[in-house]
Amino acid sequence: VVGSGDNRVLLVLPDIYSSFGAAIGVVKLVGDPPAGVPSTT
């Protein structure tokens, strides 16, 4: 899940953002995707 608030999108990215992802707005999805977050490229 990339972004925050209304600007969140669901992207498929490499699993390399674990150490710094939260600081740049990229959080690995755990479980089901949040409601209302569109999936895009």
PDB file of all heavy atoms in Angstrom:
ATOM      1  N   VAL A   1       0.873  -1.162   0.000  1.00  0.00           N
ATOM      2  CA  VAL A   1       0.000   0.000   0.000  1.00  0.00           C
ATOM      3  C   VAL A   1       0.914   1.217   0.000  1.00  0.00           C
ATOM      4  O   VAL A   1       1.766   1.368   0.873  1.00  0.00           O
ATOM      5  CB  VAL A   1      -0.934   0.019   1.227  1.00  0.00           C
ATOM      6  CG1 VAL A   1      -1.762   1.287   1.245  1.00  0.00           C
ATOM      7  CG2 VAL A   1      -1.834  -1.203   1.214  1.00  0.00           C
ATOM      8  N   VAL A   2       0.750   2.070  -1.003  1.00  0.00           N
ATOM      9  CA  VAL A   2       1.608   3.245  -1.165  1.00  0.00           C
ATOM     10  C   VAL A   2       0.761   4.490  -0.989  1.00  0.00           C
ATOM     11  O   VAL A   2      -0.293   4.624  -1.600  1.00  0.00           O
ATOM     12  CB  VAL A   2       2.275   3.249  -2.555  1.00  0.00           C
ATOM     13  CG1 VAL A   2       3.189   4.449  -2.702  1.00  0.00           C
ATOM     14  CG2 VAL A   2       3.034   1.961  -2.790  1.00  0.00           C
ATOM     15  N   GLY A   3       1.228   5.415  -0.149  1.00  0.00           N
ATOM     16  CA  GLY A   3       0.532   6.671   0.079  1.00  0.00           C
ATOM     17  C   GLY A   3      -0.233   6.663   1.387  1.00  0.00           C
ATOM     18  O   GLY A   3      -0.145   5.723   2.183  1.00  0.00           O
ATOM     19  N   SER A   4      -0.975   7.741   1.598  1.00  0.00           N
ATOM     20  CA  SER A   4      -1.767   7.863   2.820  1.00  0.00           C
ATOM     21  C   SER A   4      -3.053   8.607   2.507  1.00  0.00           C
ATOM     22  O   SER A   4      -3.147   9.326   1.518  1.00  0.00           O
ATOM     23  CB  SER A   4      -0.970   8.614   3.899  1.00  0.00           C
ATOM     24  OG  SER A   4      -0.656   9.916   3.451  1.00  0.00           O
ATOM     25  N   GLY A   5      -4.031   8.419   3.356  1.00  0.00           N
ATOM     26  CA  GLY A   5      -5.308   9.105   3.195  1.00  0.00           C
ATOM     27  C   GLY A   5      -6.041   8.677   1.938  1.00  0.00           C
ATOM     28  O   GLY A   5      -6.139   7.487   1.633  1.00  0.00           O
ATOM     29  N   ASP A   6      -6.539   9.658   1.187  1.00  0.00           N
ATOM     30  CA  ASP A   6      -7.275   9.374  -0.042  1.00  0.00           C
ATOM     31  C   ASP A   6      -6.354   9.038  -1.210  1.00  0.00           C
ATOM     32  O   ASP A   6      -6.817   8.593  -2.252  1.00  0.00           O
ATOM     33  CB  ASP A   6      -8.141  10.581  -0.426  1.00  0.00           C
ATOM     34  CG  ASP A   6      -9.264  10.803   0.574  1.00  0.00           C
ATOM     35  OD1 ASP A   6      -9.651   9.834   1.252  1.00  0.00           O
ATOM     36  OD2 ASP A   6      -9.752  11.949   0.673  1.00  0.00           O
ATOM     37  N   ASN A   7      -5.053   9.248  -1.061  1.00  0.00           N
ATOM     38  CA  ASN A   7      -4.104   9.014  -2.143  1.00  0.00           C
ATOM     39  C   ASN A   7      -3.421   7.654  -2.045  1.00  0.00           C
ATOM     40  O   ASN A   7      -2.327   7.479  -2.573  1.00  0.00           O
ATOM     41  CB  ASN A   7      -3.041  10.115  -2.159  1.00  0.00           C
ATOM     42  CG  ASN A   7      -3.628  11.454  -2.513  1.00  0.00           C
ATOM     43  OD1 ASN A   7      -4.599  11.531  -3.252  1.00  0.00           O
ATOM     44  ND2 ASN A   7      -3.063  12.505  -1.978  1.00  0.00           N
ATOM     45  N   ARG A   8      -4.050   6.697  -1.394  1.00  0.00           N
ATOM     46  CA  ARG A   8      -3.463   5.363  -1.269  1.00  0.00           C
ATOM     47  C   ARG A   8      -3.787   4.528  -2.502  1.00  0.00           C
ATOM     48  O   ARG A   8      -4.889   4.605  -3.040  1.00  0.00           O
ATOM     49  CB  ARG A   8      -3.990   4.647  -0.033  1.00  0.00           C
ATOM     50  CG  ARG A   8      -3.540   5.272   1.259  1.00  0.00           C
ATOM     51  CD  ARG A   8      -3.901   4.448   2.442  1.00  0.00           C
ATOM     52  NE  ARG A   8      -5.352   4.188   2.492  1.00  0.00           N
ATOM     53  CZ  ARG A   8      -5.929   3.355   3.336  1.00  0.00           C
ATOM     54  NH1 ARG A   8      -5.206   2.688   4.203  1.00  0.00           N
ATOM     55  NH2 ARG A   8      -7.229   3.182   3.330  1.00  0.00           N
ATOM     56  N   VAL A   9      -2.807   3.736  -2.932  1.00  0.00           N
ATOM     57  CA  VAL A   9      -2.997   2.790  -4.022  1.00  0.00           C
ATOM     58  C   VAL A   9      -2.329   1.478  -3.646  1.00  0.00           C
ATOM     59  O   VAL A   9      -1.417   1.446  -2.822  1.00  0.00           O
ATOM     60  CB  VAL A   9      -2.436   3.302  -5.367  1.00  0.00           C
ATOM     61  CG1 VAL A   9      -3.233   4.448  -5.906  1.00  0.00           C
ATOM     62  CG2 VAL A   9      -0.986   3.645  -5.255  1.00  0.00           C
ATOM     63  N   LEU A  10      -2.787   0.417  -4.261  1.00  0.00           N
ATOM     64  CA  LEU A  10      -2.234  -0.917  -4.043  1.00  0.00           C
ATOM     65  C   LEU A  10      -1.358  -1.263  -5.242  1.00  0.00           C
ATOM     66  O   LEU A  10      -1.828  -1.293  -6.370  1.00  0.00           O
ATOM     67  CB  LEU A  10      -3.363  -1.929  -3.882  1.00  0.00           C
ATOM     68  CG  LEU A  10      -2.981  -3.350  -3.543  1.00  0.00           C
ATOM     69  CD1 LEU A  10      -2.341  -3.402  -2.164  1.00  0.00           C
ATOM     70  CD2 LEU A  10      -4.193  -4.253  -3.594  1.00  0.00           C
ATOM     71  N   LEU A  11      -0.056  -1.482  -4.994  1.00  0.00           N
ATOM     72  CA  LEU A  11       0.899  -1.802  -6.047  1.00  0.00           C
ATOM     73  C   LEU A  11       1.625  -3.093  -5.708  1.00  0.00           C
ATOM     74  O   LEU A  11       1.847  -3.388  -4.538  1.00  0.00           O
ATOM     75  CB  LEU A  11       1.942  -0.693  -6.201  1.00  0.00           C
ATOM     76  CG  LEU A  11       1.449   0.692  -6.609  1.00  0.00           C
ATOM     77  CD1 LEU A  11       2.587   1.682  -6.530  1.00  0.00           C
ATOM     78  CD2 LEU A  11       0.884   0.637  -8.012  1.00  0.00           C
ATOM     79  N   VAL A  12       2.020  -3.833  -6.731  1.00  0.00           N
ATOM     80  CA  VAL A  12       2.843  -5.021  -6.540  1.00  0.00           C
ATOM     81  C   VAL A  12       4.291  -4.600  -6.770  1.00  0.00           C
ATOM     82  O   VAL A  12       4.669  -4.221  -7.870  1.00  0.00           O
ATOM     83  CB  VAL A  12       2.428  -6.155  -7.500  1.00  0.00           C
ATOM     84  CG1 VAL A  12       3.344  -7.345  -7.329  1.00  0.00           C
ATOM     85  CG2 VAL A  12       0.987  -6.548  -7.249  1.00  0.00           C
ATOM     86  N   LEU A  13       5.085  -4.617  -5.686  1.00  0.00           N
ATOM     87  CA  LEU A  13       6.471  -4.152  -5.708  1.00  0.00           C
ATOM     88  C   LEU A  13       7.381  -5.217  -5.116  1.00  0.00           C
ATOM     89  O   LEU A  13       6.919  -6.101  -4.398  1.00  0.00           O
ATOM     90  CB  LEU A  13       6.604  -2.866  -4.884  1.00  0.00           C
ATOM     91  CG  LEU A  13       5.782  -1.662  -5.330  1.00  0.00           C
ATOM     92  CD1 LEU A  13       5.846  -0.566  -4.282  1.00  0.00           C
ATOM     93  CD2 LEU A  13       6.276  -1.160  -6.664  1.00  0.00           C
ATOM     94  N   PRO A  14       8.689  -5.130  -5.365  1.00  0.00           N
ATOM     95  CA  PRO A  14       9.620  -6.070  -4.741  1.00  0.00           C
ATOM     96  C   PRO A  14       9.623  -5.909  -3.222  1.00  0.00           C
ATOM     97  O   PRO A  14       9.382  -4.819  -2.704  1.00  0.00           O
ATOM     98  CB  PRO A  14      10.980  -5.686  -5.320  1.00  0.00           C
ATOM     99  CG  PRO A  14      10.691  -4.861  -6.507  1.00  0.00           C
ATOM    100  CD  PRO A  14       9.357  -4.237  -6.293  1.00  0.00           C
ATOM    101  N   ASP A  15       9.914  -6.967  -2.531  1.00  0.00           N
ATOM    102  CA  ASP A  15       9.910  -6.961  -1.067  1.00  0.00           C
ATOM    103  C   ASP A  15      11.256  -6.425  -0.544  1.00  0.00           C
ATOM    104  O   ASP A  15      12.008  -7.126   0.124  1.00  0.00           O
ATOM    105  CB  ASP A  15       9.642  -8.368  -0.549  1.00  0.00           C
ATOM    106  CG  ASP A  15       9.295  -8.385   0.915  1.00  0.00           C
ATOM    107  OD1 ASP A  15       8.998  -7.307   1.463  1.00  0.00           O
ATOM    108  OD2 ASP A  15       9.323  -9.476   1.519  1.00  0.00           O
ATOM    109  N   ILE A  16      11.553  -5.159  -0.838  1.00  0.00           N
ATOM    110  CA  ILE A  16      12.820  -4.536  -0.430  1.00  0.00           C
ATOM    111  C   ILE A  16      12.600  -3.313   0.445  1.00  0.00           C
ATOM    112  O   ILE A  16      13.558  -2.678   0.861  1.00  0.00           O
ATOM    113  CB  ILE A  16      13.650  -4.113  -1.663  1.00  0.00           C
ATOM    114  CG1 ILE A  16      12.820  -3.208  -2.558  1.00  0.00           C
ATOM    115  CG2 ILE A  16      14.148  -5.325  -2.404  1.00  0.00           C
ATOM    116  CD1 ILE A  16      13.590  -2.581  -3.678  1.00  0.00           C
ATOM    117  N   TYR A  17      11.357  -2.980   0.735  1.00  0.00           N
ATOM    118  CA  TYR A  17      11.039  -1.754   1.446  1.00  0.00           C
ATOM    119  C   TYR A  17      10.882  -1.949   2.950  1.00  0.00           C
ATOM    120  O   TYR A  17      10.392  -1.060   3.638  1.00  0.00           O
ATOM    121  CB  TYR A  17       9.752  -1.141   0.877  1.00  0.00           C
ATOM    122  CG  TYR A  17       9.874  -0.700  -0.559  1.00  0.00           C
ATOM    123  CD1 TYR A  17       9.565  -1.559  -1.606  1.00  0.00           C
ATOM    124  CD2 TYR A  17      10.313   0.574  -0.867  1.00  0.00           C
ATOM    125  CE1 TYR A  17       9.682  -1.151  -2.928  1.00  0.00           C
ATOM    126  CE2 TYR A  17      10.430   0.997  -2.181  1.00  0.00           C
ATOM    127  CZ  TYR A  17      10.113   0.131  -3.198  1.00  0.00           C
ATOM    128  OH  TYR A  17      10.243   0.532  -4.503  1.00  0.00           O
ATOM    129  N   SER A  18      11.311  -3.067   3.485  1.00  0.00           N
ATOM    130  CA  SER A  18      11.057  -3.360   4.894  1.00  0.00           C
ATOM    131  C   SER A  18      11.793  -2.422   5.842  1.00  0.00           C
ATOM    132  O   SER A  18      11.260  -2.020   6.869  1.00  0.00           O
ATOM    133  CB  SER A  18      11.416  -4.808   5.207  1.00  0.00           C
ATOM    134  OG  SER A  18      12.776  -5.043   4.916  1.00  0.00           O
ATOM    135  N   SER A  19      13.027  -2.023   5.521  1.00  0.00           N
ATOM    136  CA  SER A  19      13.805  -1.214   6.461  1.00  0.00           C
ATOM    137  C   SER A  19      13.464   0.269   6.405  1.00  0.00           C
ATOM    138  O   SER A  19      13.587   0.972   7.406  1.00  0.00           O
ATOM    139  CB  SER A  19      15.306  -1.411   6.222  1.00  0.00           C
ATOM    140  OG  SER A  19      15.659  -0.959   4.938  1.00  0.00           O
ATOM    141  N   PHE A  20      13.020   0.778   5.267  1.00  0.00           N
ATOM    142  CA  PHE A  20      12.767   2.211   5.143  1.00  0.00           C
ATOM    143  C   PHE A  20      11.417   2.538   4.523  1.00  0.00           C
ATOM    144  O   PHE A  20      11.112   3.701   4.299  1.00  0.00           O
ATOM    145  CB  PHE A  20      13.873   2.870   4.295  1.00  0.00           C
ATOM    146  CG  PHE A  20      14.106   2.197   2.977  1.00  0.00           C
ATOM    147  CD1 PHE A  20      13.294   2.459   1.891  1.00  0.00           C
ATOM    148  CD2 PHE A  20      15.138   1.298   2.819  1.00  0.00           C
ATOM    149  CE1 PHE A  20      13.503   1.841   0.674  1.00  0.00           C
ATOM    150  CE2 PHE A  20      15.363   0.675   1.606  1.00  0.00           C
ATOM    151  CZ  PHE A  20      14.542   0.948   0.531  1.00  0.00           C
ATOM    152  N   GLY A  21      10.598   1.556   4.260  1.00  0.00           N
ATOM    153  CA  GLY A  21       9.340   1.759   3.550  1.00  0.00           C
ATOM    154  C   GLY A  21       8.356   2.675   4.231  1.00  0.00           C
ATOM    155  O   GLY A  21       7.723   3.505   3.587  1.00  0.00           O
ATOM    156  N   ALA A  22       8.206   2.568   5.539  1.00  0.00           N
ATOM    157  CA  ALA A  22       7.241   3.407   6.246  1.00  0.00           C
ATOM    158  C   ALA A  22       7.608   4.876   6.154  1.00  0.00           C
ATOM    159  O   ALA A  22       6.734   5.744   6.095  1.00  0.00           O
ATOM    160  CB  ALA A  22       7.144   2.975   7.702  1.00  0.00           C
ATOM    161  N   ALA A  23       8.891   5.184   6.122  1.00  0.00           N
ATOM    162  CA  ALA A  23       9.335   6.578   6.058  1.00  0.00           C
ATOM    163  C   ALA A  23       9.054   7.215   4.700  1.00  0.00           C
ATOM    164  O   ALA A  23       8.908   8.430   4.612  1.00  0.00           O
ATOM    165  CB  ALA A  23      10.825   6.665   6.373  1.00  0.00           C
ATOM    166  N   ILE A  24       8.979   6.397   3.639  1.00  0.00           N
ATOM    167  CA  ILE A  24       8.701   6.946   2.311  1.00  0.00           C
ATOM    168  C   ILE A  24       7.297   6.614   1.826  1.00  0.00           C
ATOM    169  O   ILE A  24       6.954   6.846   0.680  1.00  0.00           O
ATOM    170  CB  ILE A  24       9.755   6.478   1.282  1.00  0.00           C
ATOM    171  CG1 ILE A  24       9.769   4.966   1.132  1.00  0.00           C
ATOM    172  CG2 ILE A  24      11.123   7.006   1.633  1.00  0.00           C
ATOM    173  CD1 ILE A  24      10.646   4.470   0.001  1.00  0.00           C
ATOM    174  N   GLY A  25       6.460   6.083   2.706  1.00  0.00           N
ATOM    175  CA  GLY A  25       5.054   5.854   2.386  1.00  0.00           C
ATOM    176  C   GLY A  25       4.751   4.553   1.678  1.00  0.00           C
ATOM    177  O   GLY A  25       3.724   4.437   1.026  1.00  0.00           O
ATOM    178  N   VAL A  26       5.632   3.550   1.792  1.00  0.00           N
ATOM    179  CA  VAL A  26       5.416   2.249   1.154  1.00  0.00           C
ATOM    180  C   VAL A  26       5.354   1.195   2.252  1.00  0.00           C
ATOM    181  O   VAL A  26       6.337   0.954   2.935  1.00  0.00           O
ATOM    182  CB  VAL A  26       6.554   1.918   0.154  1.00  0.00           C
ATOM    183  CG1 VAL A  26       6.302   0.572  -0.498  1.00  0.00           C
ATOM    184  CG2 VAL A  26       6.688   3.003  -0.888  1.00  0.00           C
ATOM    185  N   VAL A  27       4.191   0.579   2.433  1.00  0.00           N
ATOM    186  CA  VAL A  27       3.990  -0.391   3.508  1.00  0.00           C
ATOM    187  C   VAL A  27       3.546  -1.714   2.905  1.00  0.00           C
ATOM    188  O   VAL A  27       2.616  -1.759   2.091  1.00  0.00           O
ATOM    189  CB  VAL A  27       2.928   0.113   4.513  1.00  0.00           C
ATOM    190  CG1 VAL A  27       2.718  -0.880   5.632  1.00  0.00           C
ATOM    191  CG2 VAL A  27       3.322   1.475   5.067  1.00  0.00           C
ATOM    192  N   LYS A  28       4.223  -2.794   3.301  1.00  0.00           N
ATOM    193  CA  LYS A  28       3.876  -4.130   2.806  1.00  0.00           C
ATOM    194  C   LYS A  28       2.491  -4.510   3.298  1.00  0.00           C
ATOM    195  O   LYS A  28       2.146  -4.321   4.462  1.00  0.00           O
ATOM    196  CB  LYS A  28       4.913  -5.133   3.298  1.00  0.00           C
ATOM    197  CG  LYS A  28       4.707  -6.528   2.788  1.00  0.00           C
ATOM    198  CD  LYS A  28       5.817  -7.440   3.271  1.00  0.00           C
ATOM    199  CE  LYS A  28       5.606  -8.857   2.857  1.00  0.00           C
ATOM    200  NZ  LYS A  28       6.681  -9.727   3.343  1.00  0.00           N
ATOM    201  N   LEU A  29       1.689  -5.059   2.405  1.00  0.00           N
ATOM    202  CA  LEU A  29       0.331  -5.456   2.729  1.00  0.00           C
ATOM    203  C   LEU A  29       0.344  -6.778   3.470  1.00  0.00           C
ATOM    204  O   LEU A  29       0.936  -7.751   3.019  1.00  0.00           O
ATOM    205  CB  LEU A  29      -0.501  -5.578   1.453  1.00  0.00           C
ATOM    206  CG  LEU A  29      -1.964  -5.956   1.632  1.00  0.00           C
ATOM    207  CD1 LEU A  29      -2.699  -4.865   2.392  1.00  0.00           C
ATOM    208  CD2 LEU A  29      -2.613  -6.192   0.298  1.00  0.00           C
ATOM    209  N   VAL A  30      -0.317  -6.791   4.632  1.00  0.00           N
ATOM    210  CA  VAL A  30      -0.460  -8.003   5.421  1.00  0.00           C
ATOM    211  C   VAL A  30      -1.954  -8.266   5.546  1.00  0.00           C
ATOM    212  O   VAL A  30      -2.696  -7.432   6.049  1.00  0.00           O
ATOM    213  CB  VAL A  30       0.188  -7.848   6.810  1.00  0.00           C
ATOM    214  CG1 VAL A  30      -0.008  -9.106   7.636  1.00  0.00           C
ATOM    215  CG2 VAL A  30       1.660  -7.515   6.675  1.00  0.00           C
ATOM    216  N   GLY A  31      -2.390  -9.413   5.074  1.00  0.00           N
ATOM    217  CA  GLY A  31      -3.816  -9.734   5.145  1.00  0.00           C
ATOM    218  C   GLY A  31      -4.561  -9.206   3.932  1.00  0.00           C
ATOM    219  O   GLY A  31      -4.019  -9.088   2.833  1.00  0.00           O
ATOM    220  N   ASP A  32      -5.830  -8.865   4.143  1.00  0.00           N
ATOM    221  CA  ASP A  32      -6.685  -8.383   3.060  1.00  0.00           C
ATOM    222  C   ASP A  32      -6.388  -6.920   2.747  1.00  0.00           C
ATOM    223  O   ASP A  32      -6.010  -6.150   3.630  1.00  0.00           O
ATOM    224  CB  ASP A  32      -8.159  -8.522   3.448  1.00  0.00           C
ATOM    225  CG  ASP A  32      -8.581  -9.977   3.586  1.00  0.00           C
ATOM    226  OD1 ASP A  32      -7.959 -10.824   2.908  1.00  0.00           O
ATOM    227  OD2 ASP A  32      -9.506 -10.258   4.372  1.00  0.00           O
ATOM    228  N   PRO A  33      -6.589  -6.515   1.487  1.00  0.00           N
ATOM    229  CA  PRO A  33      -6.381  -5.102   1.147  1.00  0.00           C
ATOM    230  C   PRO A  33      -7.434  -4.216   1.813  1.00  0.00           C
ATOM    231  O   PRO A  33      -8.571  -4.648   2.018  1.00  0.00           O
ATOM    232  CB  PRO A  33      -6.527  -5.066  -0.371  1.00  0.00           C
ATOM    233  CG  PRO A  33      -7.124  -6.348  -0.771  1.00  0.00           C
ATOM    234  CD  PRO A  33      -6.918  -7.326   0.326  1.00  0.00           C
ATOM    235  N   PRO A  34      -7.068  -2.999   2.175  1.00  0.00           N
ATOM    236  CA  PRO A  34      -8.039  -2.095   2.798  1.00  0.00           C
ATOM    237  C   PRO A  34      -9.173  -1.748   1.837  1.00  0.00           C
ATOM    238  O   PRO A  34      -8.968  -1.693   0.617  1.00  0.00           O
ATOM    239  CB  PRO A  34      -7.216  -0.841   3.121  1.00  0.00           C
ATOM    240  CG  PRO A  34      -5.794  -1.214   2.957  1.00  0.00           C
ATOM    241  CD  PRO A  34      -5.745  -2.403   2.081  1.00  0.00           C
ATOM    242  N   ALA A  35     -10.331  -1.508   2.377  1.00  0.00           N
ATOM    243  CA  ALA A  35     -11.494  -1.164   1.558  1.00  0.00           C
ATOM    244  C   ALA A  35     -11.296   0.208   0.932  1.00  0.00           C
ATOM    245  O   ALA A  35     -10.821   1.139   1.579  1.00  0.00           O
ATOM    246  CB  ALA A  35     -12.753  -1.175   2.414  1.00  0.00           C
ATOM    247  N   GLY A  36     -11.653   0.327  -0.330  1.00  0.00           N
ATOM    248  CA  GLY A  36     -11.591   1.611  -1.014  1.00  0.00           C
ATOM    249  C   GLY A  36     -10.229   1.973  -1.572  1.00  0.00           C
ATOM    250  O   GLY A  36     -10.047   3.072  -2.073  1.00  0.00           O
ATOM    251  N   VAL A  37      -9.250   1.075  -1.493  1.00  0.00           N
ATOM    252  CA  VAL A  37      -7.919   1.347  -2.044  1.00  0.00           C
ATOM    253  C   VAL A  37      -7.823   0.662  -3.402  1.00  0.00           C
ATOM    254  O   VAL A  37      -7.856  -0.557  -3.493  1.00  0.00           O
ATOM    255  CB  VAL A  37      -6.811   0.836  -1.093  1.00  0.00           C
ATOM    256  CG1 VAL A  37      -5.449   1.051  -1.711  1.00  0.00           C
ATOM    257  CG2 VAL A  37      -6.905   1.533   0.246  1.00  0.00           C
ATOM    258  N   PRO A  38      -7.700   1.453  -4.480  1.00  0.00           N
ATOM    259  CA  PRO A  38      -7.657   0.850  -5.812  1.00  0.00           C
ATOM    260  C   PRO A  38      -6.311   0.196  -6.107  1.00  0.00           C
ATOM    261  O   PRO A  38      -5.272   0.642  -5.624  1.00  0.00           O
ATOM    262  CB  PRO A  38      -7.903   2.039  -6.738  1.00  0.00           C
ATOM    263  CG  PRO A  38      -7.383   3.208  -5.981  1.00  0.00           C
ATOM    264  CD  PRO A  38      -7.653   2.903  -4.529  1.00  0.00           C
ATOM    265  N   SER A  39      -6.338  -0.844  -6.910  1.00  0.00           N
ATOM    266  CA  SER A  39      -5.128  -1.504  -7.375  1.00  0.00           C
ATOM    267  C   SER A  39      -4.776  -0.930  -8.737  1.00  0.00           C
ATOM    268  O   SER A  39      -5.643  -0.761  -9.590  1.00  0.00           O
ATOM    269  CB  SER A  39      -5.356  -3.006  -7.460  1.00  0.00           C
ATOM    270  OG  SER A  39      -4.220  -3.635  -7.985  1.00  0.00           O
ATOM    271  N   THR A  40      -3.512  -0.624  -8.960  1.00  0.00           N
ATOM    272  CA  THR A  40      -3.088  -0.029 -10.218  1.00  0.00           C
ATOM    273  C   THR A  40      -1.664  -0.456 -10.532  1.00  0.00           C
ATOM    274  O   THR A  40      -1.068  -1.229  -9.794  1.00  0.00           O
ATOM    275  CB  THR A  40      -3.221   1.508 -10.171  1.00  0.00           C
ATOM    276  OG1 THR A  40      -2.942   2.033 -11.468  1.00  0.00           O
ATOM    277  CG2 THR A  40      -2.294   2.112  -9.149  1.00  0.00           C
ATOM    278  N   THR A  41      -1.137   0.049 -11.625  1.00  0.00           N
ATOM    279  CA  THR A  41       0.240  -0.235 -12.007  1.00  0.00           C
ATOM    280  C   THR A  41       1.123   0.954 -11.638  1.00  0.00           C
ATOM    281  O   THR A  41       0.624   2.056 -11.387  1.00  0.00           O
ATOM    282  CB  THR A  41       0.350  -0.502 -13.516  1.00  0.00           C
ATOM    283  OG1 THR A  41      -0.021   0.675 -14.223  1.00  0.00           O
ATOM    284  CG2 THR A  41      -0.521  -1.675 -13.929  1.00  0.00           C
TER     285      THR A  41
END
